[in-house]
Amino acid sequence: MVPMSAVAGQSLIWKPESVFSSRYVLVYQDALLGRLSMRSWTNAATAETAEGRLQLSTQGIFKQDIVVFDDTGDKIAAFSQKMSKGIVQFADGRMLNWINGSGWGTKKAWADISDVPFVYFESVSFSRQIQVTIAPAGRTISELSLLVVLGMYIITLLNRSSTVAATIR
């Protein structure tokens, strides 16, 4: 796999492995950058990048937070939604924001504490694909691959919950 910092400034695509798959691959041209495998019937997932493997899951009943563990089982990040934006906090205490990148909600972004974005996620029309763009400043973030995986995980959870809501109506 290719490290994500090597393709900063390029358009990357998260796409499902098949039509009804809960497994996604992150690609740039023909290069594989990562995988995200969502488990059926739960919110647990496993991710793999050039930097290593991650385990993601939700905790809580009414207000679900997301926790990220590395391949040794150590908790390395936690994400919680705070009103209109989310916050990821790393084990060392640093925090980054998850913000809307557009008024329509079709774009999301990871941003610094001043809301300056450095990783963008945008839905590709009429598909389950998500375009990811890493701004040049994002290349220096040591948790870049974690953020790209976590962003897709959050979007996938949002899509799952909106699909369920649409079928209940």
Protein backbone atom coordinates (compact mmCIF):
# COMPACT_ATOMS: atom_id res chain seq x y z
CA MET A 1 0.00 0.00 0.00
CA VAL A 2 1.05 3.56 -0.69
CA PRO A 3 1.28 6.04 2.25
CA MET A 4 -1.41 8.74 2.04
CA SER A 5 1.08 11.55 2.60
CA ALA A 6 2.66 10.60 -0.75
CA VAL A 7 -0.50 11.61 -2.64
CA ALA A 8 -1.37 14.87 -0.88
CA GLY A 9 -3.05 17.30 -3.27
CA GLN A 10 -4.48 14.50 -5.43
CA SER A 11 -8.06 13.22 -5.66
CA LEU A 12 -8.43 9.90 -3.89
CA ILE A 13 -11.55 7.75 -4.07
CA TRP A 14 -13.18 5.54 -1.44
CA LYS A 15 -15.30 3.03 -3.34
CA PRO A 16 -17.14 -0.16 -2.42
CA GLU A 17 -15.47 -3.40 -3.50
CA SER A 18 -18.77 -4.49 -5.08
CA VAL A 19 -22.32 -3.20 -5.48
CA PHE A 20 -23.72 -4.30 -2.12
CA SER A 21 -20.43 -4.56 -0.24
CA SER A 22 -19.70 -3.12 3.18
CA ARG A 23 -16.01 -3.17 2.30
CA TYR A 24 -14.39 -0.11 0.78
CA VAL A 25 -11.02 0.50 -0.84
CA LEU A 26 -9.21 3.82 -1.07
CA VAL A 27 -7.43 4.25 -4.38
CA TYR A 28 -5.42 6.81 -6.28
CA GLN A 29 -5.31 5.87 -9.94
CA ASP A 30 -4.31 2.17 -9.72
CA ALA A 31 -2.59 2.42 -6.32
CA LEU A 32 -4.24 0.96 -3.22
CA LEU A 33 -4.01 3.30 -0.21
CA GLY A 34 -6.34 1.66 2.30
CA ARG A 35 -9.25 -0.61 3.13
CA LEU A 36 -12.24 -0.21 5.41
CA SER A 37 -14.33 -3.28 6.26
CA MET A 38 -17.61 -2.60 8.04
CA ARG A 39 -19.13 -5.53 9.91
CA SER A 40 -22.72 -6.47 9.16
CA TRP A 41 -25.28 -5.76 11.88
CA THR A 42 -22.81 -3.79 14.03
CA ASN A 43 -20.93 -0.52 13.83
CA ALA A 44 -17.54 -2.20 14.23
CA ALA A 45 -14.97 -1.91 11.46
CA THR A 46 -11.40 -2.84 10.62
CA ALA A 47 -9.15 -0.62 8.53
CA GLU A 48 -5.79 -1.17 6.94
CA THR A 49 -3.37 1.41 5.54
CA ALA A 50 0.36 1.53 4.81
CA GLU A 51 0.78 2.80 8.37
CA GLY A 52 -0.97 -0.18 10.00
CA ARG A 53 -4.30 -1.67 11.07
CA LEU A 54 -7.05 0.10 13.02
CA GLN A 55 -10.19 -1.08 14.82
CA LEU A 56 -13.14 1.33 14.95
CA SER A 57 -16.38 1.04 16.90
CA THR A 58 -19.08 3.06 18.58
CA GLN A 59 -19.70 3.30 22.32
CA GLY A 60 -22.78 4.50 24.14
CA ILE A 61 -26.50 4.09 23.69
CA PHE A 62 -28.10 7.48 23.17
CA LYS A 63 -25.03 9.55 22.34
CA GLN A 64 -22.64 7.31 20.48
CA ASP A 65 -18.98 8.18 20.42
CA ILE A 66 -16.47 6.54 18.12
CA VAL A 67 -13.28 5.01 19.43
CA VAL A 68 -10.22 4.01 17.41
CA PHE A 69 -7.74 1.37 18.51
CA ASP A 70 -4.41 0.47 16.96
CA ASP A 71 -3.42 -3.12 16.15
CA THR A 72 -2.07 -3.63 19.70
CA GLY A 73 -5.45 -2.71 21.20
CA ASP A 74 -4.41 0.70 22.52
CA LYS A 75 -7.01 3.46 22.25
CA ILE A 76 -5.45 6.12 20.03
CA ALA A 77 -8.40 8.44 19.31
CA ALA A 78 -11.99 9.21 20.27
CA PHE A 79 -14.57 11.11 18.24
CA SER A 80 -17.69 12.80 19.58
CA GLN A 81 -20.30 14.98 17.93
CA LYS A 82 -20.71 18.43 19.49
CA MET A 83 -23.69 20.26 18.02
CA SER A 84 -22.90 21.09 14.38
CA LYS A 85 -19.33 19.79 14.41
CA GLY A 86 -17.44 16.81 15.68
CA ILE A 87 -14.20 16.64 17.59
CA VAL A 88 -11.55 13.95 17.47
CA GLN A 89 -9.19 13.80 20.42
CA PHE A 90 -5.94 11.86 20.21
CA ALA A 91 -4.32 9.99 23.08
CA ASP A 92 -1.87 12.88 23.59
CA GLY A 93 -4.76 15.36 24.07
CA ARG A 94 -4.58 17.13 20.70
CA MET A 95 -7.93 17.82 19.04
CA LEU A 96 -9.15 18.38 15.49
CA ASN A 97 -12.59 19.38 14.16
CA TRP A 98 -14.97 17.55 11.79
CA ILE A 99 -16.85 20.30 9.96
CA ASN A 100 -19.29 20.81 7.10
CA GLY A 101 -17.43 21.89 4.00
CA SER A 102 -20.59 23.05 2.21
CA GLY A 103 -24.03 24.36 3.01
CA TRP A 104 -25.68 21.29 1.47
CA GLY A 105 -23.83 18.81 3.66
CA THR A 106 -22.30 17.00 0.68
CA LYS A 107 -18.79 17.94 1.79
CA LYS A 108 -17.14 17.25 5.11
CA ALA A 109 -13.62 18.09 6.27
CA TRP A 110 -11.08 17.59 9.01
CA ALA A 111 -9.86 20.98 10.19
CA ASP A 112 -7.54 22.43 12.76
CA ILE A 113 -8.88 24.09 15.89
CA SER A 114 -9.36 27.35 13.89
CA ASP A 115 -11.54 25.42 11.37
CA VAL A 116 -8.95 25.62 8.58
CA PRO A 117 -9.60 22.39 6.62
CA PHE A 118 -6.86 20.05 5.42
CA VAL A 119 -8.67 16.82 4.43
CA TYR A 120 -11.89 17.09 2.39
CA PHE A 121 -14.54 14.41 1.77
CA GLU A 122 -17.15 14.87 -0.96
CA SER A 123 -19.92 12.56 -2.13
CA VAL A 124 -19.66 11.54 -5.79
CA SER A 125 -23.08 12.04 -7.41
CA PHE A 126 -25.25 8.97 -7.89
CA SER A 127 -22.74 6.56 -6.39
CA ARG A 128 -21.48 5.27 -3.06
CA GLN A 129 -18.05 6.72 -3.76
CA ILE A 130 -16.43 9.42 -1.66
CA GLN A 131 -13.74 11.68 -3.10
CA VAL A 132 -10.98 12.59 -0.64
CA THR A 133 -8.61 15.49 -1.15
CA ILE A 134 -5.66 16.05 1.14
CA ALA A 135 -4.51 19.68 1.20
CA PRO A 136 -0.72 20.20 1.23
CA ALA A 137 -0.88 21.14 4.94
CA GLY A 138 -2.43 17.73 5.67
CA ARG A 139 0.75 15.97 4.61
CA THR A 140 2.43 16.96 7.89
CA ILE A 141 -0.28 15.49 10.16
CA SER A 142 1.10 12.30 11.68
CA GLU A 143 -2.40 10.80 12.00
CA LEU A 144 -3.32 11.51 8.37
CA SER A 145 -4.25 7.91 7.53
CA LEU A 146 -6.31 7.63 10.72
CA LEU A 147 -8.24 10.79 9.76
CA VAL A 148 -8.91 9.58 6.21
CA VAL A 149 -10.20 6.24 7.56
CA LEU A 150 -12.19 7.84 10.39
CA GLY A 151 -13.82 10.32 7.99
CA MET A 152 -15.03 7.49 5.75
CA TYR A 153 -16.21 5.52 8.79
CA ILE A 154 -18.29 8.50 10.00
CA ILE A 155 -19.78 9.03 6.53
CA THR A 156 -20.62 5.31 6.27
CA LEU A 157 -22.37 5.38 9.66
CA LEU A 158 -24.35 8.48 8.61
CA ASN A 159 -25.36 6.81 5.34
CA ARG A 160 -26.43 3.65 7.18
CA SER A 161 -28.61 5.59 9.63
CA SER A 162 -30.23 7.69 6.87
CA THR A 163 -31.00 4.51 4.88
CA VAL A 164 -32.72 2.99 7.92
CA ALA A 165 -34.66 6.20 8.52
CA ALA A 166 -35.81 6.27 4.89
CA THR A 167 -37.13 2.71 5.05
CA ILE A 168 -39.12 3.39 8.24
CA ARG A 169 -41.10 6.28 6.76
